[in-house]
Amino acid sequence: MPGGTTPEVGLGPWEGPWPDDERYDPELLRTGDRRNVLDGYRYWTMDAIIADLDTRRHGFHVAVENWQHDLNIGSVVRTANAFNAAAVHIVGRRRWNRRGAMVTDRYQHVHHHGSVEEFAAWCEENGLALIGIDNFPDSQQLETYELPERCVLLFGQEGPGLTPEAHAACRAVLSIEQYGSTRSMNAAAAAAIAMHAWIRRHEFGQRVN
């Protein structure tokens, strides 16, 4: 606010008797919890939050090819945390730009695979359908495709998109319908749309049924 002060995030030191619950962090109770977490997780330890998230993670995974140190990867991880994806997989270079994740990678399982072939084999071993998201002549529409409940949504680099190896490894490649002048959209934005499509199909679809 112009001329005002920005309100502090979170809560200060715990007031009153401390809770008798091992999920709470004594240091946070003593000094306050200013982390960017849901109010229900205030004062919890990181391990306790991860354990609780693990009890209700969704059936989809997210994967990103990382050959050029793409700045979008951090944003994809942040969105995967928001939708409580089962895990995020980095395919290619092990090091990735964490800036956009805004520390959400601390609460999200993140795995590394050195090559597309290695990752595709892992998906097959774990019964996960590998679904690419990109604009190719053979792409099907995300809006009408029946996303499997157990799947991996695979994204390429910003600009070049999925590599030929990744394209060939996918059970299907899906495109997002666009109406403007550009050929493609930001990779992080595409990832958010695809994850939400899975949520609409399997999370909200179950509630309706």
N, C-alpha and C. Protein backbone atom coordinates (compact mmCIF):
# COMPACT_ATOMS: atom_id res chain seq x y z
N MET A 1 0.84 -1.20 0.00
CA MET A 1 0.00 0.00 0.00
C MET A 1 0.88 1.25 0.00
N PRO A 2 0.55 2.25 -0.85
CA PRO A 2 1.34 3.49 -0.86
C PRO A 2 1.30 4.17 0.50
N GLY A 3 2.47 4.49 1.02
CA GLY A 3 2.55 5.19 2.29
C GLY A 3 2.31 4.32 3.50
N GLY A 4 2.02 3.04 3.29
CA GLY A 4 1.75 2.15 4.41
C GLY A 4 2.88 1.16 4.61
N THR A 5 2.64 0.20 5.46
CA THR A 5 3.63 -0.84 5.71
C THR A 5 3.08 -2.17 5.23
N THR A 6 3.96 -3.01 4.75
CA THR A 6 3.57 -4.33 4.29
C THR A 6 3.34 -5.24 5.49
N PRO A 7 2.16 -5.85 5.62
CA PRO A 7 1.91 -6.70 6.78
C PRO A 7 2.82 -7.92 6.77
N GLU A 8 3.23 -8.35 7.95
CA GLU A 8 4.11 -9.50 8.06
C GLU A 8 3.35 -10.78 7.72
N VAL A 9 4.05 -11.68 7.06
CA VAL A 9 3.48 -12.97 6.72
C VAL A 9 3.57 -13.89 7.93
N GLY A 10 2.57 -14.73 8.13
CA GLY A 10 2.65 -15.74 9.17
C GLY A 10 2.28 -15.25 10.55
N LEU A 11 2.81 -15.93 11.53
CA LEU A 11 2.47 -15.67 12.93
C LEU A 11 3.72 -15.49 13.77
N GLY A 12 3.56 -14.74 14.85
CA GLY A 12 4.67 -14.54 15.78
C GLY A 12 4.82 -15.71 16.74
N PRO A 13 5.58 -15.52 17.80
CA PRO A 13 5.78 -16.60 18.78
C PRO A 13 4.45 -17.12 19.33
N TRP A 14 4.42 -18.41 19.62
CA TRP A 14 3.21 -19.06 20.15
C TRP A 14 2.82 -18.42 21.48
N GLU A 15 1.53 -18.17 21.63
CA GLU A 15 1.03 -17.61 22.88
C GLU A 15 0.28 -18.67 23.67
N GLY A 16 0.55 -18.76 24.96
CA GLY A 16 -0.11 -19.75 25.80
C GLY A 16 0.70 -21.02 25.91
N PRO A 17 0.13 -22.06 26.54
CA PRO A 17 0.84 -23.33 26.71
C PRO A 17 1.20 -23.94 25.36
N TRP A 18 2.38 -24.47 25.25
CA TRP A 18 2.81 -25.08 24.00
C TRP A 18 2.05 -26.37 23.74
N PRO A 19 1.75 -26.68 22.48
CA PRO A 19 1.04 -27.91 22.15
C PRO A 19 1.91 -29.14 22.42
N ASP A 20 1.27 -30.19 22.92
CA ASP A 20 1.97 -31.45 23.17
C ASP A 20 1.83 -32.33 21.94
N ASP A 21 2.59 -31.99 20.91
CA ASP A 21 2.47 -32.67 19.61
C ASP A 21 3.83 -32.61 18.94
N GLU A 22 4.35 -33.79 18.58
CA GLU A 22 5.70 -33.86 18.02
C GLU A 22 5.81 -33.22 16.65
N ARG A 23 4.68 -32.91 16.01
CA ARG A 23 4.74 -32.25 14.70
C ARG A 23 5.21 -30.80 14.82
N TYR A 24 5.08 -30.21 15.99
CA TYR A 24 5.45 -28.80 16.16
C TYR A 24 6.94 -28.64 16.41
N ASP A 25 7.48 -27.57 15.84
CA ASP A 25 8.91 -27.25 15.94
C ASP A 25 9.12 -26.28 17.11
N PRO A 26 9.88 -26.67 18.13
CA PRO A 26 10.10 -25.80 19.29
C PRO A 26 10.67 -24.43 18.91
N GLU A 27 11.56 -24.41 17.92
CA GLU A 27 12.17 -23.15 17.52
C GLU A 27 11.13 -22.21 16.91
N LEU A 28 10.25 -22.77 16.07
CA LEU A 28 9.20 -21.94 15.47
C LEU A 28 8.20 -21.48 16.52
N LEU A 29 7.88 -22.34 17.46
CA LEU A 29 6.98 -21.92 18.54
C LEU A 29 7.57 -20.76 19.33
N ARG A 30 8.87 -20.79 19.49
CA ARG A 30 9.55 -19.78 20.29
C ARG A 30 9.70 -18.46 19.53
N THR A 31 10.04 -18.52 18.24
CA THR A 31 10.39 -17.31 17.49
C THR A 31 9.31 -16.86 16.50
N GLY A 32 8.36 -17.73 16.20
CA GLY A 32 7.32 -17.39 15.23
C GLY A 32 7.54 -18.12 13.91
N ASP A 33 6.48 -18.22 13.13
CA ASP A 33 6.54 -18.93 11.85
C ASP A 33 6.17 -17.98 10.73
N ARG A 34 7.16 -17.51 9.98
CA ARG A 34 6.95 -16.57 8.89
C ARG A 34 7.06 -17.25 7.52
N ARG A 35 7.00 -18.55 7.48
CA ARG A 35 7.14 -19.27 6.21
C ARG A 35 5.88 -19.13 5.36
N ASN A 36 6.04 -19.35 4.07
CA ASN A 36 4.91 -19.32 3.14
C ASN A 36 4.25 -20.70 3.12
N VAL A 37 3.52 -21.01 4.20
CA VAL A 37 2.82 -22.29 4.29
C VAL A 37 1.37 -22.03 4.68
N LEU A 38 0.51 -23.03 4.46
CA LEU A 38 -0.88 -22.91 4.86
C LEU A 38 -0.98 -22.71 6.37
N ASP A 39 -2.04 -22.02 6.81
CA ASP A 39 -2.20 -21.78 8.24
C ASP A 39 -2.26 -23.07 9.05
N GLY A 40 -2.79 -24.12 8.46
CA GLY A 40 -2.87 -25.40 9.16
C GLY A 40 -1.51 -26.01 9.45
N TYR A 41 -0.48 -25.55 8.74
CA TYR A 41 0.88 -26.07 8.93
C TYR A 41 1.75 -25.13 9.78
N ARG A 42 1.17 -24.07 10.30
CA ARG A 42 1.96 -23.14 11.10
C ARG A 42 2.61 -23.86 12.28
N TYR A 43 3.88 -23.58 12.46
CA TYR A 43 4.71 -24.10 13.55
C TYR A 43 5.08 -25.58 13.38
N TRP A 44 4.63 -26.23 12.31
CA TRP A 44 5.00 -27.64 12.09
C TRP A 44 6.44 -27.71 11.58
N THR A 45 7.10 -28.81 11.85
CA THR A 45 8.41 -29.05 11.26
C THR A 45 8.25 -29.33 9.78
N MET A 46 9.31 -29.16 9.02
CA MET A 46 9.27 -29.45 7.59
C MET A 46 8.96 -30.92 7.35
N ASP A 47 9.59 -31.80 8.12
CA ASP A 47 9.35 -33.23 7.96
C ASP A 47 7.89 -33.58 8.22
N ALA A 48 7.27 -32.94 9.19
CA ALA A 48 5.87 -33.21 9.49
C ALA A 48 4.96 -32.76 8.35
N ILE A 49 5.29 -31.62 7.75
CA ILE A 49 4.49 -31.13 6.62
C ILE A 49 4.61 -32.10 5.44
N ILE A 50 5.84 -32.52 5.13
CA ILE A 50 6.05 -33.45 4.02
C ILE A 50 5.30 -34.75 4.27
N ALA A 51 5.38 -35.26 5.49
CA ALA A 51 4.69 -36.51 5.83
C ALA A 51 3.19 -36.38 5.64
N ASP A 52 2.62 -35.23 6.00
CA ASP A 52 1.19 -35.03 5.83
C ASP A 52 0.83 -34.92 4.35
N LEU A 53 1.63 -34.20 3.57
CA LEU A 53 1.39 -34.11 2.13
C LEU A 53 1.45 -35.48 1.48
N ASP A 54 2.36 -36.33 1.96
CA ASP A 54 2.52 -37.66 1.37
C ASP A 54 1.28 -38.53 1.55
N THR A 55 0.45 -38.24 2.53
CA THR A 55 -0.75 -39.04 2.74
C THR A 55 -1.84 -38.74 1.71
N ARG A 56 -1.67 -37.65 0.94
CA ARG A 56 -2.73 -37.27 0.01
C ARG A 56 -2.20 -36.72 -1.31
N ARG A 57 -1.00 -37.18 -1.70
CA ARG A 57 -0.47 -36.73 -2.99
C ARG A 57 -1.31 -37.32 -4.12
N HIS A 58 -1.35 -36.60 -5.23
CA HIS A 58 -2.14 -37.03 -6.37
C HIS A 58 -1.37 -38.06 -7.22
N GLY A 59 -2.09 -38.64 -8.18
CA GLY A 59 -1.51 -39.72 -8.96
C GLY A 59 -0.64 -39.29 -10.12
N PHE A 60 -0.53 -37.99 -10.37
CA PHE A 60 0.29 -37.55 -11.49
C PHE A 60 1.66 -37.06 -11.02
N HIS A 61 2.65 -37.26 -11.89
CA HIS A 61 4.00 -36.73 -11.70
C HIS A 61 4.23 -35.66 -12.76
N VAL A 62 5.25 -34.86 -12.56
CA VAL A 62 5.64 -33.83 -13.53
C VAL A 62 7.12 -34.01 -13.84
N ALA A 63 7.47 -33.91 -15.11
CA ALA A 63 8.87 -34.03 -15.51
C ALA A 63 9.24 -32.88 -16.45
N VAL A 64 10.48 -32.44 -16.36
CA VAL A 64 10.98 -31.35 -17.21
C VAL A 64 12.35 -31.73 -17.75
N GLU A 65 12.52 -31.59 -19.05
CA GLU A 65 13.85 -31.79 -19.62
C GLU A 65 14.71 -30.58 -19.25
N ASN A 66 15.94 -30.87 -18.85
CA ASN A 66 16.83 -29.81 -18.38
C ASN A 66 18.17 -29.91 -19.09
N TRP A 67 18.24 -29.34 -20.28
CA TRP A 67 19.48 -29.37 -21.05
C TRP A 67 20.12 -27.99 -21.12
N GLN A 68 19.36 -26.94 -20.86
CA GLN A 68 19.86 -25.58 -21.02
C GLN A 68 19.68 -24.74 -19.76
N HIS A 69 19.55 -25.38 -18.60
CA HIS A 69 19.38 -24.66 -17.33
C HIS A 69 18.18 -23.71 -17.41
N ASP A 70 17.05 -24.25 -17.82
CA ASP A 70 15.83 -23.47 -18.05
C ASP A 70 15.36 -22.78 -16.78
N LEU A 71 15.11 -21.47 -16.87
CA LEU A 71 14.66 -20.70 -15.71
C LEU A 71 13.24 -21.07 -15.29
N ASN A 72 12.48 -21.71 -16.18
CA ASN A 72 11.10 -22.05 -15.88
C ASN A 72 10.95 -23.22 -14.92
N ILE A 73 11.99 -24.01 -14.75
CA ILE A 73 11.86 -25.24 -13.96
C ILE A 73 11.42 -24.93 -12.54
N GLY A 74 11.97 -23.91 -11.93
CA GLY A 74 11.58 -23.56 -10.57
C GLY A 74 10.10 -23.24 -10.46
N SER A 75 9.57 -22.53 -11.46
CA SER A 75 8.14 -22.20 -11.46
C SER A 75 7.29 -23.46 -11.62
N VAL A 76 7.76 -24.41 -12.42
CA VAL A 76 7.04 -25.68 -12.59
C VAL A 76 7.00 -26.43 -11.26
N VAL A 77 8.11 -26.44 -10.54
CA VAL A 77 8.16 -27.11 -9.24
C VAL A 77 7.20 -26.45 -8.27
N ARG A 78 7.16 -25.12 -8.29
CA ARG A 78 6.25 -24.41 -7.38
C ARG A 78 4.79 -24.78 -7.66
N THR A 79 4.43 -24.85 -8.95
CA THR A 79 3.07 -25.21 -9.31
C THR A 79 2.78 -26.67 -8.96
N ALA A 80 3.75 -27.54 -9.15
CA ALA A 80 3.58 -28.95 -8.79
C ALA A 80 3.30 -29.09 -7.30
N ASN A 81 3.95 -28.26 -6.50
CA ASN A 81 3.68 -28.27 -5.06
C ASN A 81 2.27 -27.78 -4.77
N ALA A 82 1.83 -26.74 -5.49
CA ALA A 82 0.49 -26.20 -5.27
C ALA A 82 -0.59 -27.24 -5.55
N PHE A 83 -0.35 -28.10 -6.56
CA PHE A 83 -1.32 -29.15 -6.90
C PHE A 83 -0.98 -30.49 -6.23
N ASN A 84 0.03 -30.49 -5.37
CA ASN A 84 0.45 -31.69 -4.63
C ASN A 84 0.72 -32.87 -5.54
N ALA A 85 1.56 -32.65 -6.54
CA ALA A 85 1.97 -33.73 -7.45
C ALA A 85 2.74 -34.79 -6.67
N ALA A 86 2.68 -36.02 -7.17
CA ALA A 86 3.40 -37.11 -6.51
C ALA A 86 4.88 -36.82 -6.45
N ALA A 87 5.44 -36.28 -7.53
CA ALA A 87 6.87 -35.96 -7.57
C ALA A 87 7.16 -35.14 -8.81
N VAL A 88 8.32 -34.49 -8.80
CA VAL A 88 8.84 -33.79 -9.96
C VAL A 88 10.12 -34.49 -10.38
N HIS A 89 10.31 -34.64 -11.69
CA HIS A 89 11.49 -35.32 -12.22
C HIS A 89 12.25 -34.38 -13.13
N ILE A 90 13.54 -34.26 -12.90
CA ILE A 90 14.42 -33.45 -13.73
C ILE A 90 15.16 -34.42 -14.64
N VAL A 91 15.01 -34.25 -15.95
CA VAL A 91 15.62 -35.16 -16.93
C VAL A 91 16.73 -34.41 -17.65
N GLY A 92 17.97 -34.92 -17.52
CA GLY A 92 19.10 -34.26 -18.15
C GLY A 92 20.09 -33.77 -17.12
N ARG A 93 20.43 -32.50 -17.16
CA ARG A 93 21.39 -31.94 -16.21
C ARG A 93 20.82 -32.01 -14.79
N ARG A 94 21.69 -32.38 -13.86
CA ARG A 94 21.24 -32.51 -12.47
C ARG A 94 20.95 -31.16 -11.84
N ARG A 95 21.80 -30.18 -12.10
CA ARG A 95 21.62 -28.85 -11.51
C ARG A 95 20.52 -28.11 -12.25
N TRP A 96 19.62 -27.48 -11.50
CA TRP A 96 18.55 -26.71 -12.11
C TRP A 96 18.35 -25.43 -11.32
N ASN A 97 17.76 -24.43 -11.95
CA ASN A 97 17.59 -23.12 -11.34
C ASN A 97 16.42 -23.16 -10.36
N ARG A 98 16.73 -23.07 -9.08
CA ARG A 98 15.71 -23.18 -8.03
C ARG A 98 15.04 -21.86 -7.67
N ARG A 99 15.46 -20.80 -8.27
CA ARG A 99 14.97 -19.48 -7.85
C ARG A 99 13.44 -19.38 -7.93
N GLY A 100 12.86 -19.84 -9.02
CA GLY A 100 11.43 -19.73 -9.20
C GLY A 100 10.62 -20.63 -8.30
N ALA A 101 11.28 -21.61 -7.68
CA ALA A 101 10.55 -22.55 -6.81
C ALA A 101 10.13 -21.90 -5.51
N MET A 102 10.77 -20.82 -5.12
CA MET A 102 10.41 -20.10 -3.89
C MET A 102 10.38 -21.05 -2.69
N VAL A 103 11.40 -21.89 -2.58
CA VAL A 103 11.64 -22.89 -1.52
C VAL A 103 10.58 -23.98 -1.45
N THR A 104 9.63 -24.04 -2.40
CA THR A 104 8.64 -25.11 -2.37
C THR A 104 9.27 -26.47 -2.67
N ASP A 105 10.47 -26.48 -3.27
CA ASP A 105 11.14 -27.77 -3.53
C ASP A 105 11.49 -28.48 -2.23
N ARG A 106 11.48 -27.77 -1.10
CA ARG A 106 11.75 -28.42 0.18
C ARG A 106 10.60 -29.36 0.57
N TYR A 107 9.41 -29.10 0.06
CA TYR A 107 8.24 -29.89 0.42
C TYR A 107 7.81 -30.84 -0.70
N GLN A 108 8.53 -30.79 -1.82
CA GLN A 108 8.14 -31.57 -2.98
C GLN A 108 9.23 -32.59 -3.29
N HIS A 109 8.86 -33.85 -3.52
CA HIS A 109 9.83 -34.86 -3.91
C HIS A 109 10.36 -34.53 -5.31
N VAL A 110 11.66 -34.39 -5.44
CA VAL A 110 12.29 -34.06 -6.72
C VAL A 110 13.35 -35.13 -7.02
N HIS A 111 13.25 -35.77 -8.19
CA HIS A 111 14.16 -36.83 -8.59
C HIS A 111 14.89 -36.45 -9.87
N HIS A 112 16.06 -37.05 -10.06
CA HIS A 112 16.86 -36.77 -11.25
C HIS A 112 17.04 -38.03 -12.08
N HIS A 113 16.99 -37.85 -13.41
CA HIS A 113 17.25 -38.94 -14.36
C HIS A 113 18.20 -38.39 -15.41
N GLY A 114 19.26 -39.13 -15.69
CA GLY A 114 20.30 -38.61 -16.57
C GLY A 114 19.93 -38.52 -18.03
N SER A 115 18.97 -39.32 -18.49
CA SER A 115 18.61 -39.33 -19.90
C SER A 115 17.13 -39.63 -20.06
N VAL A 116 16.62 -39.34 -21.25
CA VAL A 116 15.22 -39.65 -21.55
C VAL A 116 15.00 -41.15 -21.49
N GLU A 117 15.95 -41.92 -22.02
CA GLU A 117 15.82 -43.38 -22.03
C GLU A 117 15.72 -43.93 -20.60
N GLU A 118 16.56 -43.43 -19.72
CA GLU A 118 16.54 -43.85 -18.32
C GLU A 118 15.21 -43.49 -17.68
N PHE A 119 14.72 -42.31 -17.97
CA PHE A 119 13.46 -41.87 -17.36
C PHE A 119 12.28 -42.66 -17.91
N ALA A 120 12.26 -42.90 -19.22
CA ALA A 120 11.17 -43.67 -19.82
C ALA A 120 11.11 -45.08 -19.24
N ALA A 121 12.27 -45.67 -19.00
CA ALA A 121 12.32 -47.00 -18.39
C ALA A 121 11.76 -46.96 -16.98
N TRP A 122 12.09 -45.91 -16.24
CA TRP A 122 11.56 -45.76 -14.88
C TRP A 122 10.04 -45.66 -14.89
N CYS A 123 9.50 -44.89 -15.83
CA CYS A 123 8.04 -44.74 -15.94
C CYS A 123 7.38 -46.08 -16.22
N GLU A 124 7.97 -46.85 -17.13
CA GLU A 124 7.40 -48.16 -17.46
C GLU A 124 7.43 -49.10 -16.27
N GLU A 125 8.54 -49.10 -15.54
CA GLU A 125 8.67 -49.96 -14.36
C GLU A 125 7.65 -49.61 -13.29
N ASN A 126 7.25 -48.35 -13.23
CA ASN A 126 6.34 -47.89 -12.19
C ASN A 126 4.90 -47.73 -12.67
N GLY A 127 4.62 -48.21 -13.88
CA GLY A 127 3.25 -48.19 -14.39
C GLY A 127 2.69 -46.81 -14.61
N LEU A 128 3.52 -45.88 -15.06
CA LEU A 128 3.10 -44.50 -15.29
C LEU A 128 3.11 -44.19 -16.79
N ALA A 129 2.00 -43.71 -17.29
CA ALA A 129 1.92 -43.31 -18.70
C ALA A 129 2.67 -42.00 -18.90
N LEU A 130 3.56 -41.97 -19.87
CA LEU A 130 4.35 -40.77 -20.14
C LEU A 130 3.62 -39.92 -21.18
N ILE A 131 3.16 -38.75 -20.76
CA ILE A 131 2.36 -37.86 -21.61
C ILE A 131 3.12 -36.56 -21.82
N GLY A 132 3.49 -36.28 -23.07
CA GLY A 132 4.19 -35.04 -23.37
C GLY A 132 3.22 -33.89 -23.60
N ILE A 133 3.68 -32.69 -23.32
CA ILE A 133 2.89 -31.48 -23.57
C ILE A 133 3.70 -30.59 -24.52
N ASP A 134 3.24 -30.49 -25.77
CA ASP A 134 3.95 -29.69 -26.77
C ASP A 134 3.09 -29.59 -28.02
N ASN A 135 3.48 -28.70 -28.91
CA ASN A 135 2.77 -28.52 -30.18
C ASN A 135 3.52 -29.25 -31.29
N PHE A 136 2.99 -30.41 -31.69
CA PHE A 136 3.54 -31.17 -32.80
C PHE A 136 2.40 -31.48 -33.77
N PRO A 137 2.72 -31.81 -35.01
CA PRO A 137 1.65 -32.18 -35.95
C PRO A 137 0.79 -33.35 -35.46
N ASP A 138 1.38 -34.25 -34.67
CA ASP A 138 0.62 -35.40 -34.19
C ASP A 138 0.04 -35.18 -32.78
N SER A 139 0.13 -33.96 -32.26
CA SER A 139 -0.39 -33.69 -30.92
C SER A 139 -1.91 -33.80 -30.89
N GLN A 140 -2.41 -34.32 -29.80
CA GLN A 140 -3.84 -34.36 -29.55
C GLN A 140 -4.20 -33.22 -28.60
N GLN A 141 -5.48 -32.90 -28.52
CA GLN A 141 -5.90 -31.78 -27.70
C GLN A 141 -5.97 -32.16 -26.22
N LEU A 142 -5.31 -31.38 -25.38
CA LEU A 142 -5.38 -31.59 -23.94
C LEU A 142 -6.83 -31.47 -23.46
N GLU A 143 -7.57 -30.57 -24.06
CA GLU A 143 -8.93 -30.28 -23.59
C GLU A 143 -9.87 -31.48 -23.72
N THR A 144 -9.60 -32.38 -24.65
CA THR A 144 -10.50 -33.51 -24.87
C THR A 144 -9.86 -34.87 -24.57
N TYR A 145 -8.58 -34.89 -24.31
CA TYR A 145 -7.88 -36.15 -24.06
C TYR A 145 -8.18 -36.65 -22.65
N GLU A 146 -8.39 -37.97 -22.51
CA GLU A 146 -8.65 -38.56 -21.20
C GLU A 146 -7.32 -38.85 -20.49
N LEU A 147 -6.89 -37.92 -19.69
CA LEU A 147 -5.62 -38.10 -18.98
C LEU A 147 -5.71 -39.29 -18.03
N PRO A 148 -4.74 -40.20 -18.08
CA PRO A 148 -4.74 -41.33 -17.14
C PRO A 148 -4.55 -40.83 -15.71
N GLU A 149 -5.10 -41.57 -14.76
CA GLU A 149 -4.93 -41.17 -13.37
C GLU A 149 -3.47 -41.26 -12.94
N ARG A 150 -2.79 -42.31 -13.38
CA ARG A 150 -1.37 -42.47 -13.07
C ARG A 150 -0.57 -42.13 -14.32
N CYS A 151 0.03 -40.96 -14.30
CA CYS A 151 0.76 -40.51 -15.48
C CYS A 151 1.86 -39.54 -15.08
N VAL A 152 2.71 -39.25 -16.06
CA VAL A 152 3.73 -38.21 -15.93
C VAL A 152 3.50 -37.19 -17.02
N LEU A 153 3.38 -35.94 -16.65
CA LEU A 153 3.26 -34.85 -17.61
C LEU A 153 4.66 -34.33 -17.89
N LEU A 154 5.13 -34.52 -19.11
CA LEU A 154 6.51 -34.20 -19.49
C LEU A 154 6.56 -32.93 -20.32
N PHE A 155 7.45 -32.01 -19.91
CA PHE A 155 7.60 -30.72 -20.58
C PHE A 155 9.03 -30.56 -21.07
N GLY A 156 9.18 -29.88 -22.21
CA GLY A 156 10.50 -29.63 -22.77
C GLY A 156 11.04 -28.28 -22.32
N GLN A 157 12.13 -27.89 -22.96
CA GLN A 157 12.76 -26.62 -22.64
C GLN A 157 11.96 -25.46 -23.22
N GLU A 158 12.07 -24.31 -22.61
CA GLU A 158 11.46 -23.10 -23.15
C GLU A 158 12.09 -22.82 -24.52
N GLY A 159 11.27 -22.72 -25.55
CA GLY A 159 11.79 -22.47 -26.90
C GLY A 159 11.77 -23.73 -27.74
N PRO A 160 12.78 -24.61 -27.61
CA PRO A 160 12.82 -25.80 -28.47
C PRO A 160 11.77 -26.85 -28.13
N GLY A 161 11.27 -26.84 -26.91
CA GLY A 161 10.25 -27.83 -26.53
C GLY A 161 10.84 -29.21 -26.30
N LEU A 162 10.01 -30.23 -26.44
CA LEU A 162 10.47 -31.60 -26.20
C LEU A 162 11.51 -32.00 -27.24
N THR A 163 12.51 -32.74 -26.79
CA THR A 163 13.50 -33.27 -27.72
C THR A 163 12.87 -34.40 -28.53
N PRO A 164 13.45 -34.74 -29.70
CA PRO A 164 12.92 -35.87 -30.47
C PRO A 164 12.88 -37.17 -29.66
N GLU A 165 13.88 -37.37 -28.79
CA GLU A 165 13.90 -38.59 -27.97
C GLU A 165 12.71 -38.62 -27.01
N ALA A 166 12.41 -37.47 -26.40
CA ALA A 166 11.28 -37.41 -25.48
C ALA A 166 9.96 -37.58 -26.23
N HIS A 167 9.85 -36.95 -27.38
CA HIS A 167 8.64 -37.07 -28.20
C HIS A 167 8.37 -38.54 -28.51
N ALA A 168 9.40 -39.25 -28.92
CA ALA A 168 9.25 -40.66 -29.31
C ALA A 168 8.90 -41.54 -28.11
N ALA A 169 9.34 -41.16 -26.92
CA ALA A 169 9.12 -41.99 -25.73
C ALA A 169 7.71 -41.85 -25.16
N CYS A 170 6.97 -40.81 -25.57
CA CYS A 170 5.67 -40.53 -24.98
C CYS A 170 4.57 -41.42 -25.55
N ARG A 171 3.65 -41.83 -24.69
CA ARG A 171 2.45 -42.54 -25.15
C ARG A 171 1.60 -41.62 -26.01
N ALA A 172 1.53 -40.36 -25.63
CA ALA A 172 0.80 -39.35 -26.40
C ALA A 172 1.43 -38.00 -26.12
N VAL A 173 1.29 -37.09 -27.06
CA VAL A 173 1.71 -35.70 -26.87
C VAL A 173 0.47 -34.83 -27.03
N LEU A 174 0.27 -33.92 -26.08
CA LEU A 174 -0.93 -33.09 -26.06
C LEU A 174 -0.58 -31.62 -26.26
N SER A 175 -1.44 -30.93 -26.97
CA SER A 175 -1.25 -29.49 -27.17
C SER A 175 -2.38 -28.74 -26.47
N ILE A 176 -2.10 -27.52 -26.09
CA ILE A 176 -3.09 -26.64 -25.45
C ILE A 176 -3.62 -25.69 -26.50
N GLU A 177 -4.93 -25.65 -26.65
CA GLU A 177 -5.55 -24.80 -27.67
C GLU A 177 -5.22 -23.33 -27.40
N GLN A 178 -4.77 -22.64 -28.45
CA GLN A 178 -4.42 -21.23 -28.33
C GLN A 178 -5.14 -20.42 -29.42
N TYR A 179 -5.32 -19.13 -29.15
CA TYR A 179 -6.12 -18.31 -30.04
C TYR A 179 -5.43 -17.01 -30.45
N GLY A 180 -4.20 -16.82 -30.01
CA GLY A 180 -3.48 -15.60 -30.34
C GLY A 180 -2.55 -15.78 -31.52
N SER A 181 -1.51 -14.96 -31.58
CA SER A 181 -0.62 -14.93 -32.74
C SER A 181 0.65 -15.74 -32.56
N THR A 182 0.99 -16.13 -31.34
CA THR A 182 2.24 -16.85 -31.11
C THR A 182 2.03 -18.35 -31.22
N ARG A 183 3.10 -19.06 -31.54
CA ARG A 183 3.01 -20.51 -31.74
C ARG A 183 2.88 -21.25 -30.43
N SER A 184 3.53 -20.75 -29.38
CA SER A 184 3.55 -21.49 -28.12
C SER A 184 3.45 -20.51 -26.95
N MET A 185 3.22 -21.08 -25.78
CA MET A 185 3.16 -20.26 -24.58
C MET A 185 4.31 -20.62 -23.65
N ASN A 186 4.51 -19.80 -22.63
CA ASN A 186 5.54 -20.03 -21.64
C ASN A 186 5.43 -21.43 -21.05
N ALA A 187 6.56 -22.12 -20.89
CA ALA A 187 6.55 -23.51 -20.42
C ALA A 187 5.93 -23.64 -19.03
N ALA A 188 6.21 -22.69 -18.15
CA ALA A 188 5.65 -22.76 -16.80
C ALA A 188 4.14 -22.59 -16.84
N ALA A 189 3.64 -21.71 -17.73
CA ALA A 189 2.20 -21.53 -17.86
C ALA A 189 1.54 -22.77 -18.42
N ALA A 190 2.17 -23.39 -19.42
CA ALA A 190 1.63 -24.63 -19.99
C ALA A 190 1.57 -25.74 -18.95
N ALA A 191 2.60 -25.80 -18.10
CA ALA A 191 2.62 -26.82 -17.06
C ALA A 191 1.48 -26.62 -16.08
N ALA A 192 1.20 -25.38 -15.71
CA ALA A 192 0.11 -25.10 -14.78
C ALA A 192 -1.24 -25.51 -15.38
N ILE A 193 -1.44 -25.21 -16.67
CA ILE A 193 -2.69 -25.57 -17.32
C ILE A 193 -2.86 -27.08 -17.37
N ALA A 194 -1.79 -27.80 -17.72
CA ALA A 194 -1.87 -29.26 -17.82
C ALA A 194 -2.13 -29.91 -16.47
N MET A 195 -1.48 -29.40 -15.42
CA MET A 195 -1.71 -29.96 -14.08
C MET A 195 -3.15 -29.72 -13.65
N HIS A 196 -3.66 -28.54 -13.94
CA HIS A 196 -5.04 -28.24 -13.55
C HIS A 196 -6.02 -29.10 -14.34
N ALA A 197 -5.69 -29.44 -15.59
CA ALA A 197 -6.54 -30.33 -16.37
C ALA A 197 -6.64 -31.69 -15.69
N TRP A 198 -5.52 -32.18 -15.16
CA TRP A 198 -5.55 -33.46 -14.43
C TRP A 198 -6.42 -33.32 -13.18
N ILE A 199 -6.27 -32.24 -12.45
CA ILE A 199 -7.05 -32.02 -11.23
C ILE A 199 -8.55 -32.00 -11.56
N ARG A 200 -8.93 -31.31 -12.61
CA ARG A 200 -10.35 -31.23 -12.99
C ARG A 200 -10.89 -32.61 -13.33
N ARG A 201 -10.06 -33.41 -14.00
CA ARG A 201 -10.52 -34.74 -14.44
C ARG A 201 -10.63 -35.72 -13.28
N HIS A 202 -9.65 -35.74 -12.41
CA HIS A 202 -9.57 -36.81 -11.40
C HIS A 202 -9.94 -36.37 -9.98
N GLU A 203 -9.65 -35.15 -9.61
CA GLU A 203 -10.00 -34.68 -8.27
C GLU A 203 -11.45 -34.21 -8.23
N PHE A 204 -11.80 -33.27 -9.11
CA PHE A 204 -13.17 -32.76 -9.11
C PHE A 204 -14.13 -33.75 -9.75
N GLY A 205 -13.62 -34.55 -10.72
CA GLY A 205 -14.47 -35.56 -11.33
C GLY A 205 -14.95 -36.59 -10.31
N GLN A 206 -14.06 -36.96 -9.38
CA GLN A 206 -14.43 -37.92 -8.33
C GLN A 206 -15.47 -37.32 -7.39
N ARG A 207 -15.35 -36.03 -7.10
CA ARG A 207 -16.31 -35.39 -6.20
C ARG A 207 -17.71 -35.37 -6.80
N VAL A 208 -17.77 -35.11 -8.13
CA VAL A 208 -19.06 -35.07 -8.81
C VAL A 208 -19.69 -36.45 -8.86
N ASN A 209 -18.85 -37.46 -9.14
CA ASN A 209 -19.35 -38.83 -9.26
C ASN A 209 -19.60 -39.45 -7.88
